[in-house]
């Protein structure tokens, strides 16, 4: 996508997803990149799941950032304990 297209998507984001106001400028740029890539999957591969997943993940991020106590709880340093490798689901 060219710069003009990216700017158009960035301009439209708050109109389509009101929750983007909780994302930083850098996070909004990342969301635009993710949503453009996911939209290409829809167009090129007829795969809609990626677009849905990207949207839900960024919405969950905004939900956390909208709640200061939740943001503080989830961004504070973890204890120095190492509980080992987390197995893949």
Protein backbone atom coordinates (compact mmCIF):
# COMPACT_ATOMS: atom_id res chain seq x y z
CA UNK A 1 0.00 0.00 0.00
CA UNK A 2 1.32 3.44 -0.81
CA UNK A 3 1.70 6.32 1.65
CA UNK A 4 -1.58 7.88 0.54
CA UNK A 5 -3.44 4.64 1.20
CA UNK A 6 -1.84 4.28 4.63
CA UNK A 7 -2.84 7.85 5.50
CA UNK A 8 -6.40 7.12 4.38
CA UNK A 9 -6.57 4.06 6.63
CA UNK A 10 -5.05 6.01 9.54
CA UNK A 11 -7.63 8.77 9.03
CA UNK A 12 -10.52 6.30 8.92
CA UNK A 13 -9.48 4.26 11.98
CA UNK A 14 -11.17 6.42 14.64
CA UNK A 15 -14.35 6.49 12.59
CA UNK A 16 -14.47 2.70 12.29
CA UNK A 17 -12.83 1.69 15.58
CA UNK A 18 -13.53 4.30 18.25
CA UNK A 19 -11.29 2.43 20.69
CA UNK A 20 -8.09 3.33 18.78
CA UNK A 21 -8.00 6.55 20.81
CA UNK A 22 -6.43 4.49 23.60
CA UNK A 23 -3.53 3.38 21.38
CA UNK A 24 -0.34 5.40 21.10
CA UNK A 25 0.68 6.81 17.74
CA UNK A 26 3.18 3.98 17.29
CA UNK A 27 0.56 1.38 18.21
CA UNK A 28 -1.88 2.89 15.70
CA UNK A 29 0.80 2.61 12.99
CA UNK A 30 1.33 -1.04 13.94
CA UNK A 31 -2.43 -1.64 13.85
CA UNK A 32 -2.62 -0.08 10.38
CA UNK A 33 0.21 -2.33 9.14
CA UNK A 34 -1.47 -5.39 10.68
CA UNK A 35 -4.91 -4.57 9.32
CA UNK A 36 -3.56 -3.86 5.82
CA UNK A 37 -1.73 -7.21 5.80
CA UNK A 38 -4.81 -9.02 7.10
CA UNK A 39 -6.98 -7.33 4.48
CA UNK A 40 -4.60 -8.58 1.79
CA UNK A 41 -5.19 -12.10 3.13
CA UNK A 42 -8.91 -11.57 2.65
CA UNK A 43 -8.47 -10.30 -0.90
CA UNK A 44 -5.71 -12.64 -2.06
CA UNK A 45 -6.56 -15.84 -0.15
CA UNK A 46 -10.20 -15.42 0.89
CA UNK A 47 -9.05 -15.92 4.49
CA UNK A 48 -11.08 -13.79 6.90
CA UNK A 49 -9.86 -15.25 10.20
CA UNK A 50 -6.66 -13.19 10.24
CA UNK A 51 -8.56 -9.91 9.89
CA UNK A 52 -10.88 -10.87 12.73
CA UNK A 53 -7.98 -11.99 14.96
CA UNK A 54 -5.97 -8.80 14.33
CA UNK A 55 -8.96 -6.62 15.11
CA UNK A 56 -9.82 -8.52 18.31
CA UNK A 57 -6.19 -8.51 19.53
CA UNK A 58 -5.81 -4.75 19.05
CA UNK A 59 -9.23 -4.14 20.63
CA UNK A 60 -8.12 -6.15 23.67
CA UNK A 61 -4.96 -4.04 23.86
CA UNK A 62 -7.04 -0.85 23.77
CA UNK A 63 -9.33 -2.25 26.47
CA UNK A 64 -6.34 -2.78 28.76
CA UNK A 65 -4.94 0.67 28.02
CA UNK A 66 -8.35 2.25 28.73
CA UNK A 67 -8.25 0.97 32.32
CA UNK A 68 -5.33 2.59 34.22
CA UNK A 69 -5.38 0.06 37.05
CA UNK A 70 -5.37 -2.86 34.62
CA UNK A 71 -2.58 -1.24 32.60
CA UNK A 72 -0.51 -0.81 35.78
CA UNK A 73 -1.17 -4.38 36.85
CA UNK A 74 -0.21 -5.87 33.48
CA UNK A 75 2.87 -3.70 32.86
CA UNK A 76 4.60 -3.85 36.23
CA UNK A 77 7.83 -5.85 36.41
CA UNK A 78 7.53 -9.54 37.07
CA UNK A 79 9.33 -11.18 39.98
CA UNK A 80 12.83 -12.39 39.24
CA UNK A 81 11.67 -16.00 39.50
CA UNK A 82 12.05 -18.04 36.32
CA UNK A 83 9.34 -20.63 35.95
CA UNK A 84 10.88 -22.19 32.88
CA UNK A 85 9.77 -22.43 29.28
CA UNK A 86 6.10 -22.07 28.50
CA UNK A 87 4.89 -24.93 26.29
CA UNK A 88 3.12 -24.06 23.08
CA UNK A 89 -0.65 -24.55 23.21
